Amino acid sequence: MSNPELDPATSNATNTDITTLHKIEDYHKLIENADNAMLVTRCESGALHSRAMSPCRPIEPTQVDLFFIANHASHKFDELKHDSNVNVSFYDQKTTGWASVSGTAKVSQDKELIKKFWSPMITSFFGDLKDGKHDGSQNDPRVCLIEVIPNEIRYWVSTSSTISRTAEIAYGALTGKAKAPGEFRVISDAEIRHVRGLNEK
């Protein structure tokens, strides 16, 4: 059972005195700097599978949903059909910031939505099969959107430079006092539902 008193590193880093919009802004910065994500799905046997995915950039300042353009012929869609519960994680190697997004995945082939997120560079991931149909364009029937609707977002963001973080960790090791060279934040289900409601208006 978790005990905040026995986990001072997390307790010292947790910041609950910050607005939802500020949390979303810093969350956007983190996932953009991380560039790639790991999408975790569950197969019929119960095993968890993860794979690297490149998320689409947010198009709204309060957007919390994640979007991925993917090939509908890939195995992950079988797993999403079996169990829509997913996790998406990010890690920014430069700052050691990370994010964990738990939620449910929704599959869509909405052409207007795909158009919003489409980039010509994506074509290379599909290839042109030269059959007049599967040409790697945004109209290719293999092109699909995975929308991850979060129920909770947890992330850690660095609040100091690499040198400062190293110094703080060293100081903590010498003094026995847990240091927190960053902040741990949670965007709750209630906050997510609120901003999603604003975006849908």
N, C-alpha and C. Protein backbone atom coordinates (compact mmCIF):
# COMPACT_ATOMS: atom_id res chain seq x y z
N MET A 1 0.84 -1.19 0.00
CA MET A 1 0.00 0.00 0.00
C MET A 1 0.88 1.25 0.00
N SER A 2 0.51 2.24 -0.82
CA SER A 2 1.32 3.45 -0.90
C SER A 2 1.25 4.24 0.40
N ASN A 3 2.37 4.88 0.72
CA ASN A 3 2.46 5.68 1.94
C ASN A 3 3.32 6.90 1.64
N PRO A 4 2.73 8.09 1.52
CA PRO A 4 3.49 9.29 1.17
C PRO A 4 4.65 9.57 2.11
N GLU A 5 4.49 9.22 3.40
CA GLU A 5 5.55 9.48 4.36
C GLU A 5 6.78 8.63 4.09
N LEU A 6 6.56 7.47 3.47
CA LEU A 6 7.68 6.57 3.17
C LEU A 6 8.21 6.78 1.75
N ASP A 7 7.61 7.70 1.03
CA ASP A 7 8.05 8.01 -0.34
C ASP A 7 8.26 9.53 -0.46
N PRO A 8 9.26 10.06 0.27
CA PRO A 8 9.46 11.51 0.29
C PRO A 8 9.84 12.11 -1.05
N ALA A 9 10.50 11.34 -1.91
CA ALA A 9 10.89 11.87 -3.22
C ALA A 9 9.66 12.28 -4.02
N THR A 10 8.65 11.40 -4.03
CA THR A 10 7.41 11.71 -4.75
C THR A 10 6.61 12.80 -4.04
N SER A 11 6.54 12.71 -2.71
CA SER A 11 5.79 13.70 -1.94
C SER A 11 6.36 15.10 -2.11
N ASN A 12 7.69 15.20 -2.08
CA ASN A 12 8.33 16.51 -2.22
C ASN A 12 8.16 17.09 -3.62
N ALA A 13 8.02 16.19 -4.61
CA ALA A 13 7.93 16.65 -6.00
C ALA A 13 6.50 16.97 -6.43
N THR A 14 5.51 16.45 -5.70
CA THR A 14 4.12 16.62 -6.11
C THR A 14 3.67 18.07 -5.97
N ASN A 15 3.15 18.61 -7.06
CA ASN A 15 2.66 19.99 -7.07
C ASN A 15 1.17 19.98 -7.40
N THR A 16 0.36 20.29 -6.39
CA THR A 16 -1.09 20.35 -6.60
C THR A 16 -1.58 21.79 -6.70
N ASP A 17 -0.65 22.74 -6.54
CA ASP A 17 -1.00 24.16 -6.53
C ASP A 17 -0.70 24.79 -7.88
N ILE A 18 -1.34 24.26 -8.93
CA ILE A 18 -1.08 24.73 -10.28
C ILE A 18 -2.36 24.55 -11.10
N THR A 19 -2.62 25.45 -12.02
CA THR A 19 -3.87 25.40 -12.78
C THR A 19 -3.86 24.28 -13.81
N THR A 20 -5.03 23.86 -14.20
CA THR A 20 -5.16 22.82 -15.22
C THR A 20 -4.52 23.25 -16.54
N LEU A 21 -4.76 24.50 -16.95
CA LEU A 21 -4.20 24.99 -18.21
C LEU A 21 -2.68 24.99 -18.19
N HIS A 22 -2.10 25.37 -17.05
CA HIS A 22 -0.64 25.35 -16.91
C HIS A 22 -0.12 23.92 -17.03
N LYS A 23 -0.82 22.99 -16.40
CA LYS A 23 -0.40 21.59 -16.48
C LYS A 23 -0.46 21.07 -17.91
N ILE A 24 -1.50 21.45 -18.65
CA ILE A 24 -1.63 21.00 -20.03
C ILE A 24 -0.55 21.62 -20.91
N GLU A 25 -0.24 22.90 -20.69
CA GLU A 25 0.82 23.57 -21.46
C GLU A 25 2.16 22.84 -21.29
N ASP A 26 2.51 22.53 -20.05
CA ASP A 26 3.78 21.86 -19.79
C ASP A 26 3.76 20.41 -20.29
N TYR A 27 2.59 19.80 -20.24
CA TYR A 27 2.42 18.45 -20.78
C TYR A 27 2.65 18.45 -22.29
N HIS A 28 2.12 19.43 -22.99
CA HIS A 28 2.33 19.56 -24.44
C HIS A 28 3.82 19.72 -24.76
N LYS A 29 4.50 20.57 -23.99
CA LYS A 29 5.94 20.79 -24.22
C LYS A 29 6.70 19.49 -24.04
N LEU A 30 6.33 18.73 -23.02
CA LEU A 30 7.03 17.48 -22.72
C LEU A 30 6.87 16.48 -23.86
N ILE A 31 5.64 16.28 -24.33
CA ILE A 31 5.43 15.26 -25.36
C ILE A 31 6.02 15.69 -26.70
N GLU A 32 6.07 17.01 -26.95
CA GLU A 32 6.70 17.48 -28.19
C GLU A 32 8.21 17.28 -28.14
N ASN A 33 8.81 17.52 -26.97
CA ASN A 33 10.25 17.32 -26.82
C ASN A 33 10.62 15.84 -26.85
N ALA A 34 9.72 15.00 -26.33
CA ALA A 34 9.99 13.56 -26.31
C ALA A 34 9.92 12.97 -27.72
N ASP A 35 9.12 13.57 -28.58
CA ASP A 35 8.99 13.20 -29.99
C ASP A 35 8.25 11.88 -30.20
N ASN A 36 8.77 10.79 -29.66
CA ASN A 36 8.13 9.48 -29.83
C ASN A 36 7.47 9.01 -28.54
N ALA A 37 6.50 8.12 -28.71
CA ALA A 37 5.78 7.57 -27.57
C ALA A 37 5.81 6.05 -27.64
N MET A 38 5.48 5.41 -26.53
CA MET A 38 5.30 3.96 -26.50
C MET A 38 3.83 3.69 -26.21
N LEU A 39 3.16 3.05 -27.17
CA LEU A 39 1.75 2.70 -27.02
C LEU A 39 1.65 1.25 -26.56
N VAL A 40 0.99 1.05 -25.42
CA VAL A 40 0.87 -0.29 -24.84
C VAL A 40 -0.56 -0.79 -24.98
N THR A 41 -0.70 -1.99 -25.56
CA THR A 41 -2.00 -2.63 -25.74
C THR A 41 -1.96 -4.02 -25.12
N ARG A 42 -3.15 -4.62 -24.97
CA ARG A 42 -3.23 -5.97 -24.39
C ARG A 42 -3.81 -6.93 -25.42
N CYS A 43 -3.15 -8.08 -25.60
CA CYS A 43 -3.65 -9.07 -26.55
C CYS A 43 -4.62 -10.04 -25.87
N GLU A 44 -5.17 -10.96 -26.62
CA GLU A 44 -6.18 -11.88 -26.08
C GLU A 44 -5.65 -12.77 -24.98
N SER A 45 -4.36 -13.09 -25.00
CA SER A 45 -3.79 -13.94 -23.96
C SER A 45 -3.54 -13.16 -22.67
N GLY A 46 -3.69 -11.84 -22.73
CA GLY A 46 -3.45 -11.00 -21.56
C GLY A 46 -2.08 -10.35 -21.56
N ALA A 47 -1.22 -10.75 -22.48
CA ALA A 47 0.13 -10.18 -22.55
C ALA A 47 0.06 -8.73 -23.02
N LEU A 48 0.98 -7.92 -22.49
CA LEU A 48 1.06 -6.52 -22.88
C LEU A 48 2.09 -6.35 -23.98
N HIS A 49 1.72 -5.61 -25.01
CA HIS A 49 2.63 -5.33 -26.11
C HIS A 49 2.82 -3.82 -26.24
N SER A 50 4.04 -3.39 -26.45
CA SER A 50 4.30 -1.96 -26.65
C SER A 50 5.06 -1.75 -27.94
N ARG A 51 4.86 -0.59 -28.52
CA ARG A 51 5.58 -0.25 -29.75
C ARG A 51 5.72 1.27 -29.82
N ALA A 52 6.80 1.70 -30.49
CA ALA A 52 7.04 3.14 -30.63
C ALA A 52 6.07 3.73 -31.64
N MET A 53 5.52 4.87 -31.30
CA MET A 53 4.58 5.57 -32.18
C MET A 53 4.92 7.05 -32.16
N SER A 54 4.64 7.71 -33.26
CA SER A 54 4.88 9.15 -33.34
C SER A 54 3.54 9.87 -33.22
N PRO A 55 3.31 10.60 -32.13
CA PRO A 55 2.02 11.26 -31.96
C PRO A 55 1.85 12.47 -32.86
N CYS A 56 0.63 12.76 -33.24
CA CYS A 56 0.34 13.98 -33.99
C CYS A 56 0.45 15.17 -33.03
N ARG A 57 0.92 16.27 -33.53
CA ARG A 57 1.04 17.47 -32.69
C ARG A 57 -0.35 17.98 -32.30
N PRO A 58 -0.50 18.46 -31.05
CA PRO A 58 -1.79 19.01 -30.63
C PRO A 58 -2.21 20.18 -31.52
N ILE A 59 -3.49 20.27 -31.83
CA ILE A 59 -3.99 21.36 -32.68
C ILE A 59 -4.82 22.36 -31.87
N GLU A 60 -5.04 22.05 -30.60
CA GLU A 60 -5.75 22.96 -29.70
C GLU A 60 -4.92 23.14 -28.43
N PRO A 61 -4.88 24.35 -27.85
CA PRO A 61 -4.07 24.58 -26.65
C PRO A 61 -4.52 23.78 -25.43
N THR A 62 -5.78 23.35 -25.42
CA THR A 62 -6.27 22.57 -24.28
C THR A 62 -6.50 21.10 -24.65
N GLN A 63 -5.95 20.68 -25.78
CA GLN A 63 -6.15 19.29 -26.23
C GLN A 63 -5.46 18.31 -25.28
N VAL A 64 -6.19 17.34 -24.80
CA VAL A 64 -5.62 16.30 -23.95
C VAL A 64 -5.61 14.94 -24.65
N ASP A 65 -6.50 14.76 -25.63
CA ASP A 65 -6.52 13.50 -26.39
C ASP A 65 -5.26 13.39 -27.24
N LEU A 66 -4.79 12.16 -27.39
CA LEU A 66 -3.63 11.90 -28.25
C LEU A 66 -4.12 11.27 -29.55
N PHE A 67 -3.48 11.63 -30.65
CA PHE A 67 -3.84 11.07 -31.95
C PHE A 67 -2.60 10.48 -32.62
N PHE A 68 -2.78 9.30 -33.19
CA PHE A 68 -1.72 8.62 -33.93
C PHE A 68 -2.28 8.19 -35.28
N ILE A 69 -1.54 8.46 -36.35
CA ILE A 69 -1.91 7.93 -37.65
C ILE A 69 -1.22 6.58 -37.80
N ALA A 70 -1.98 5.56 -38.13
CA ALA A 70 -1.42 4.20 -38.17
C ALA A 70 -2.02 3.39 -39.31
N ASN A 71 -1.40 2.25 -39.57
CA ASN A 71 -1.82 1.34 -40.63
C ASN A 71 -2.86 0.36 -40.09
N HIS A 72 -4.06 0.44 -40.61
CA HIS A 72 -5.16 -0.39 -40.10
C HIS A 72 -4.92 -1.88 -40.29
N ALA A 73 -3.96 -2.23 -41.14
CA ALA A 73 -3.66 -3.65 -41.38
C ALA A 73 -2.68 -4.21 -40.35
N SER A 74 -2.21 -3.38 -39.42
CA SER A 74 -1.23 -3.84 -38.44
C SER A 74 -1.90 -4.57 -37.27
N HIS A 75 -1.10 -5.38 -36.56
CA HIS A 75 -1.61 -6.26 -35.51
C HIS A 75 -2.21 -5.49 -34.34
N LYS A 76 -1.73 -4.28 -34.09
CA LYS A 76 -2.21 -3.55 -32.91
C LYS A 76 -3.72 -3.29 -32.96
N PHE A 77 -4.28 -3.24 -34.18
CA PHE A 77 -5.72 -2.99 -34.28
C PHE A 77 -6.53 -4.21 -33.83
N ASP A 78 -5.97 -5.40 -33.99
CA ASP A 78 -6.62 -6.60 -33.46
C ASP A 78 -6.68 -6.51 -31.94
N GLU A 79 -5.59 -6.01 -31.34
CA GLU A 79 -5.53 -5.90 -29.89
C GLU A 79 -6.45 -4.80 -29.37
N LEU A 80 -6.54 -3.70 -30.11
CA LEU A 80 -7.44 -2.62 -29.70
C LEU A 80 -8.90 -3.06 -29.78
N LYS A 81 -9.21 -3.91 -30.75
CA LYS A 81 -10.57 -4.44 -30.86
C LYS A 81 -10.88 -5.34 -29.69
N HIS A 82 -9.88 -6.09 -29.23
CA HIS A 82 -10.06 -6.99 -28.09
C HIS A 82 -10.19 -6.21 -26.78
N ASP A 83 -9.35 -5.19 -26.61
CA ASP A 83 -9.33 -4.41 -25.36
C ASP A 83 -8.92 -2.98 -25.71
N SER A 84 -9.82 -2.04 -25.51
CA SER A 84 -9.53 -0.65 -25.89
C SER A 84 -8.75 0.11 -24.82
N ASN A 85 -8.52 -0.51 -23.67
CA ASN A 85 -7.74 0.15 -22.62
C ASN A 85 -6.26 0.16 -23.00
N VAL A 86 -5.65 1.33 -22.95
CA VAL A 86 -4.26 1.47 -23.37
C VAL A 86 -3.49 2.36 -22.41
N ASN A 87 -2.17 2.34 -22.58
CA ASN A 87 -1.30 3.29 -21.91
C ASN A 87 -0.34 3.85 -22.94
N VAL A 88 -0.06 5.13 -22.84
CA VAL A 88 0.92 5.77 -23.70
C VAL A 88 1.95 6.45 -22.80
N SER A 89 3.23 6.18 -23.04
CA SER A 89 4.27 6.80 -22.23
C SER A 89 5.24 7.58 -23.10
N PHE A 90 5.80 8.62 -22.50
CA PHE A 90 6.77 9.49 -23.16
C PHE A 90 7.99 9.65 -22.25
N TYR A 91 9.16 9.84 -22.85
CA TYR A 91 10.36 10.13 -22.06
C TYR A 91 11.23 11.12 -22.83
N ASP A 92 11.57 12.22 -22.17
CA ASP A 92 12.44 13.23 -22.75
C ASP A 92 13.84 13.03 -22.18
N GLN A 93 14.72 12.48 -22.98
CA GLN A 93 16.06 12.14 -22.51
C GLN A 93 16.85 13.36 -22.05
N LYS A 94 16.62 14.50 -22.68
CA LYS A 94 17.40 15.70 -22.34
C LYS A 94 17.09 16.21 -20.94
N THR A 95 15.82 16.17 -20.56
CA THR A 95 15.42 16.73 -19.26
C THR A 95 15.05 15.66 -18.24
N THR A 96 14.97 14.40 -18.66
CA THR A 96 14.50 13.25 -17.87
C THR A 96 13.01 13.38 -17.52
N GLY A 97 12.31 14.27 -18.19
CA GLY A 97 10.87 14.38 -17.98
C GLY A 97 10.16 13.18 -18.60
N TRP A 98 9.05 12.79 -18.01
CA TRP A 98 8.29 11.65 -18.53
C TRP A 98 6.79 11.89 -18.34
N ALA A 99 6.00 11.14 -19.09
CA ALA A 99 4.55 11.21 -18.95
C ALA A 99 3.96 9.83 -19.15
N SER A 100 2.89 9.55 -18.41
CA SER A 100 2.16 8.29 -18.54
C SER A 100 0.68 8.63 -18.70
N VAL A 101 0.12 8.19 -19.81
CA VAL A 101 -1.28 8.50 -20.13
C VAL A 101 -2.08 7.20 -20.14
N SER A 102 -3.04 7.07 -19.25
CA SER A 102 -3.91 5.89 -19.26
C SER A 102 -5.27 6.31 -19.80
N GLY A 103 -5.84 5.46 -20.64
CA GLY A 103 -7.12 5.81 -21.22
C GLY A 103 -7.66 4.73 -22.13
N THR A 104 -8.58 5.10 -22.99
CA THR A 104 -9.16 4.16 -23.94
C THR A 104 -8.91 4.66 -25.36
N ALA A 105 -8.76 3.71 -26.26
CA ALA A 105 -8.46 4.05 -27.66
C ALA A 105 -9.71 3.93 -28.52
N LYS A 106 -9.85 4.87 -29.41
CA LYS A 106 -10.96 4.86 -30.37
C LYS A 106 -10.36 4.92 -31.77
N VAL A 107 -10.83 4.04 -32.64
CA VAL A 107 -10.31 3.96 -34.01
C VAL A 107 -11.24 4.72 -34.95
N SER A 108 -10.65 5.53 -35.82
CA SER A 108 -11.46 6.34 -36.73
C SER A 108 -10.79 6.44 -38.10
N GLN A 109 -11.62 6.52 -39.14
CA GLN A 109 -11.13 6.82 -40.48
C GLN A 109 -11.80 8.08 -41.01
N ASP A 110 -12.08 8.99 -40.08
CA ASP A 110 -12.67 10.29 -40.42
C ASP A 110 -11.71 11.07 -41.31
N LYS A 111 -12.07 11.27 -42.56
CA LYS A 111 -11.18 11.90 -43.54
C LYS A 111 -10.82 13.34 -43.17
N GLU A 112 -11.78 14.07 -42.62
CA GLU A 112 -11.51 15.46 -42.24
C GLU A 112 -10.52 15.53 -41.08
N LEU A 113 -10.66 14.61 -40.14
CA LEU A 113 -9.75 14.58 -39.00
C LEU A 113 -8.36 14.13 -39.44
N ILE A 114 -8.30 13.14 -40.31
CA ILE A 114 -7.01 12.67 -40.84
C ILE A 114 -6.31 13.82 -41.57
N LYS A 115 -7.09 14.59 -42.32
CA LYS A 115 -6.53 15.72 -43.08
C LYS A 115 -5.88 16.74 -42.15
N LYS A 116 -6.47 16.96 -40.97
CA LYS A 116 -5.93 17.92 -40.01
C LYS A 116 -4.54 17.52 -39.51
N PHE A 117 -4.33 16.22 -39.37
CA PHE A 117 -3.08 15.73 -38.80
C PHE A 117 -2.09 15.22 -39.84
N TRP A 118 -2.50 15.16 -41.09
CA TRP A 118 -1.67 14.53 -42.12
C TRP A 118 -0.43 15.35 -42.45
N SER A 119 0.67 14.62 -42.72
CA SER A 119 1.91 15.23 -43.20
C SER A 119 2.42 14.38 -44.35
N PRO A 120 2.98 14.98 -45.40
CA PRO A 120 3.50 14.21 -46.54
C PRO A 120 4.54 13.16 -46.13
N MET A 121 5.22 13.41 -45.02
CA MET A 121 6.25 12.48 -44.55
C MET A 121 5.65 11.13 -44.13
N ILE A 122 4.37 11.14 -43.79
CA ILE A 122 3.71 9.91 -43.32
C ILE A 122 3.62 8.87 -44.43
N THR A 123 3.58 9.33 -45.68
CA THR A 123 3.46 8.42 -46.83
C THR A 123 4.50 7.32 -46.81
N SER A 124 5.71 7.64 -46.36
CA SER A 124 6.81 6.67 -46.38
C SER A 124 6.55 5.47 -45.47
N PHE A 125 5.69 5.64 -44.46
CA PHE A 125 5.40 4.53 -43.55
C PHE A 125 4.39 3.55 -44.14
N PHE A 126 3.70 3.96 -45.18
CA PHE A 126 2.70 3.09 -45.81
C PHE A 126 3.20 2.49 -47.12
N GLY A 127 3.90 3.30 -47.89
CA GLY A 127 4.39 2.83 -49.18
C GLY A 127 3.29 2.77 -50.23
N ASP A 128 3.68 2.85 -51.47
CA ASP A 128 2.75 2.75 -52.59
C ASP A 128 2.81 1.33 -53.14
N LEU A 129 1.71 0.58 -52.99
CA LEU A 129 1.66 -0.81 -53.44
C LEU A 129 1.39 -0.93 -54.94
N LYS A 130 1.25 0.19 -55.61
CA LYS A 130 1.07 0.22 -57.07
C LYS A 130 -0.16 -0.56 -57.55
N ASP A 131 -1.20 -0.56 -56.72
CA ASP A 131 -2.42 -1.26 -57.12
C ASP A 131 -3.56 -0.27 -57.40
N GLY A 132 -3.22 1.03 -57.41
CA GLY A 132 -4.21 2.05 -57.67
C GLY A 132 -5.11 2.36 -56.49
N LYS A 133 -4.86 1.73 -55.37
CA LYS A 133 -5.70 1.91 -54.19
C LYS A 133 -4.87 2.20 -52.95
N HIS A 134 -3.88 1.34 -52.71
CA HIS A 134 -3.01 1.50 -51.54
C HIS A 134 -1.76 2.28 -51.96
N ASP A 135 -1.93 3.61 -52.05
CA ASP A 135 -0.86 4.44 -52.59
C ASP A 135 -0.10 5.23 -51.52
N GLY A 136 -0.46 5.04 -50.25
CA GLY A 136 0.24 5.73 -49.17
C GLY A 136 -0.22 7.16 -48.95
N SER A 137 -1.25 7.59 -49.68
CA SER A 137 -1.77 8.95 -49.49
C SER A 137 -2.76 8.95 -48.33
N GLN A 138 -3.26 10.14 -47.99
CA GLN A 138 -4.22 10.21 -46.88
C GLN A 138 -5.55 9.56 -47.24
N ASN A 139 -5.76 9.24 -48.53
CA ASN A 139 -6.98 8.55 -48.95
C ASN A 139 -6.82 7.03 -49.02
N ASP A 140 -5.63 6.56 -48.71
CA ASP A 140 -5.35 5.12 -48.67
C ASP A 140 -6.25 4.48 -47.61
N PRO A 141 -6.98 3.40 -47.95
CA PRO A 141 -7.88 2.77 -46.97
C PRO A 141 -7.18 2.19 -45.75
N ARG A 142 -5.86 2.05 -45.82
CA ARG A 142 -5.12 1.56 -44.66
C ARG A 142 -4.93 2.65 -43.61
N VAL A 143 -5.02 3.91 -44.03
CA VAL A 143 -4.75 5.04 -43.13
C VAL A 143 -5.88 5.17 -42.11
N CYS A 144 -5.48 5.18 -40.85
CA CYS A 144 -6.45 5.19 -39.76
C CYS A 144 -5.93 6.05 -38.62
N LEU A 145 -6.83 6.60 -37.84
CA LEU A 145 -6.45 7.37 -36.65
C LEU A 145 -6.75 6.57 -35.40
N ILE A 146 -5.78 6.54 -34.50
CA ILE A 146 -6.01 6.02 -33.16
C ILE A 146 -6.11 7.23 -32.24
N GLU A 147 -7.27 7.41 -31.65
CA GLU A 147 -7.45 8.50 -30.69
C GLU A 147 -7.44 7.91 -29.28
N VAL A 148 -6.52 8.38 -28.46
CA VAL A 148 -6.46 7.92 -27.08
C VAL A 148 -7.13 8.98 -26.21
N ILE A 149 -8.23 8.59 -25.59
CA ILE A 149 -8.98 9.48 -24.71
C ILE A 149 -8.54 9.20 -23.28
N PRO A 150 -7.80 10.10 -22.66
CA PRO A 150 -7.23 9.82 -21.34
C PRO A 150 -8.29 9.80 -20.24
N ASN A 151 -8.04 8.99 -19.22
CA ASN A 151 -8.80 9.11 -17.99
C ASN A 151 -7.91 9.64 -16.87
N GLU A 152 -6.60 9.62 -17.11
CA GLU A 152 -5.66 10.24 -16.17
C GLU A 152 -4.31 10.43 -16.87
N ILE A 153 -3.69 11.56 -16.60
CA ILE A 153 -2.35 11.84 -17.13
C ILE A 153 -1.44 12.14 -15.96
N ARG A 154 -0.35 11.40 -15.86
CA ARG A 154 0.65 11.65 -14.82
C ARG A 154 1.96 12.00 -15.52
N TYR A 155 2.61 13.03 -15.04
CA TYR A 155 3.90 13.36 -15.64
C TYR A 155 4.84 14.04 -14.65
N TRP A 156 6.11 13.96 -14.98
CA TRP A 156 7.16 14.60 -14.17
C TRP A 156 7.92 15.54 -15.08
N VAL A 157 8.07 16.77 -14.64
CA VAL A 157 8.76 17.77 -15.44
C VAL A 157 9.92 18.35 -14.64
N SER A 158 11.07 18.45 -15.27
CA SER A 158 12.25 19.00 -14.61
C SER A 158 12.09 20.49 -14.39
N THR A 159 12.52 20.96 -13.23
CA THR A 159 12.45 22.40 -12.92
C THR A 159 13.84 22.99 -12.73
N SER A 160 14.87 22.23 -13.07
CA SER A 160 16.24 22.72 -12.92
C SER A 160 17.11 22.18 -14.05
N SER A 161 18.27 22.76 -14.21
CA SER A 161 19.20 22.34 -15.26
C SER A 161 19.84 21.00 -14.91
N THR A 162 20.51 20.40 -15.88
CA THR A 162 21.19 19.12 -15.65
C THR A 162 22.21 19.24 -14.53
N ILE A 163 22.98 20.32 -14.52
CA ILE A 163 24.00 20.52 -13.48
C ILE A 163 23.34 20.67 -12.12
N SER A 164 22.26 21.45 -12.05
CA SER A 164 21.55 21.65 -10.78
C SER A 164 20.94 20.35 -10.29
N ARG A 165 20.36 19.56 -11.22
CA ARG A 165 19.77 18.28 -10.82
C ARG A 165 20.82 17.36 -10.22
N THR A 166 21.98 17.31 -10.87
CA THR A 166 23.07 16.46 -10.39
C THR A 166 23.52 16.91 -9.01
N ALA A 167 23.62 18.22 -8.81
CA ALA A 167 24.05 18.77 -7.52
C ALA A 167 23.03 18.45 -6.43
N GLU A 168 21.74 18.58 -6.75
CA GLU A 168 20.69 18.31 -5.77
C GLU A 168 20.66 16.84 -5.38
N ILE A 169 20.85 15.97 -6.37
CA ILE A 169 20.86 14.53 -6.08
C ILE A 169 22.07 14.18 -5.21
N ALA A 170 23.22 14.78 -5.52
CA ALA A 170 24.43 14.54 -4.73
C ALA A 170 24.25 15.03 -3.30
N TYR A 171 23.63 16.20 -3.16
CA TYR A 171 23.37 16.76 -1.83
C TYR A 171 22.44 15.84 -1.04
N GLY A 172 21.42 15.33 -1.72
CA GLY A 172 20.50 14.42 -1.06
C GLY A 172 21.17 13.14 -0.61
N ALA A 173 22.11 12.65 -1.44
CA ALA A 173 22.83 11.43 -1.09
C ALA A 173 23.71 11.64 0.14
N LEU A 174 24.29 12.84 0.26
CA LEU A 174 25.17 13.15 1.39
C LEU A 174 24.40 13.41 2.68
N THR A 175 23.26 14.06 2.56
CA THR A 175 22.50 14.46 3.75
C THR A 175 21.42 13.46 4.14
N GLY A 176 21.07 12.57 3.21
CA GLY A 176 20.00 11.62 3.50
C GLY A 176 18.62 12.22 3.31
N LYS A 177 18.56 13.43 2.76
CA LYS A 177 17.28 14.09 2.51
C LYS A 177 16.88 13.91 1.05
N ALA A 178 15.69 13.40 0.84
CA ALA A 178 15.22 13.17 -0.53
C ALA A 178 15.03 14.49 -1.25
N LYS A 179 15.61 14.60 -2.43
CA LYS A 179 15.50 15.83 -3.21
C LYS A 179 14.53 15.63 -4.38
N ALA A 180 13.97 16.72 -4.83
CA ALA A 180 13.02 16.67 -5.94
C ALA A 180 13.37 17.76 -6.94
N PRO A 181 14.31 17.47 -7.86
CA PRO A 181 14.71 18.47 -8.85
C PRO A 181 13.70 18.63 -9.99
N GLY A 182 12.44 18.47 -9.66
CA GLY A 182 11.38 18.57 -10.65
C GLY A 182 10.03 18.48 -9.96
N GLU A 183 8.97 18.44 -10.75
CA GLU A 183 7.63 18.37 -10.19
C GLU A 183 6.85 17.21 -10.79
N PHE A 184 6.12 16.52 -9.92
CA PHE A 184 5.22 15.44 -10.33
C PHE A 184 3.82 16.02 -10.35
N ARG A 185 3.13 15.85 -11.47
CA ARG A 185 1.80 16.43 -11.63
C ARG A 185 0.81 15.40 -12.15
N VAL A 186 -0.44 15.59 -11.80
CA VAL A 186 -1.52 14.71 -12.27
C VAL A 186 -2.61 15.58 -12.88
N ILE A 187 -3.02 15.22 -14.09
CA ILE A 187 -4.21 15.82 -14.70
C ILE A 187 -5.32 14.79 -14.50
N SER A 188 -6.23 15.09 -13.61
CA SER A 188 -7.23 14.11 -13.18
C SER A 188 -8.32 13.89 -14.21
N ASP A 189 -9.11 12.85 -13.96
CA ASP A 189 -10.23 12.53 -14.85
C ASP A 189 -11.22 13.70 -14.91
N ALA A 190 -11.47 14.33 -13.76
CA ALA A 190 -12.40 15.46 -13.72
C ALA A 190 -11.88 16.63 -14.55
N GLU A 191 -10.58 16.91 -14.46
CA GLU A 191 -9.99 18.00 -15.25
C GLU A 191 -10.05 17.68 -16.74
N ILE A 192 -9.77 16.42 -17.07
CA ILE A 192 -9.79 16.00 -18.48
C ILE A 192 -11.20 16.14 -19.06
N ARG A 193 -12.20 15.68 -18.31
CA ARG A 193 -13.58 15.77 -18.79
C ARG A 193 -14.01 17.23 -18.97
N HIS A 194 -13.51 18.10 -18.09
CA HIS A 194 -13.86 19.52 -18.17
C HIS A 194 -13.29 20.15 -19.45
N VAL A 195 -12.00 19.95 -19.71
CA VAL A 195 -11.39 20.58 -20.89
C VAL A 195 -11.88 19.94 -22.18
N ARG A 196 -12.18 18.64 -22.16
CA ARG A 196 -12.74 18.00 -23.35
C ARG A 196 -14.11 18.59 -23.66
N GLY A 197 -14.87 18.89 -22.62
CA GLY A 197 -16.17 19.51 -22.81
C GLY A 197 -16.06 20.89 -23.43
N LEU A 198 -15.03 21.64 -23.02
CA LEU A 198 -14.80 22.97 -23.59
C LEU A 198 -14.42 22.87 -25.06
N ASN A 199 -13.59 21.87 -25.40
CA ASN A 199 -13.13 21.71 -26.78
C ASN A 199 -14.26 21.27 -27.71
N GLU A 200 -15.25 20.59 -27.16
CA GLU A 200 -16.34 20.07 -27.99
C GLU A 200 -17.43 21.10 -28.24
N LYS A 201 -17.37 22.23 -27.53
CA LYS A 201 -18.40 23.26 -27.70
C LYS A 201 -18.20 24.02 -29.00
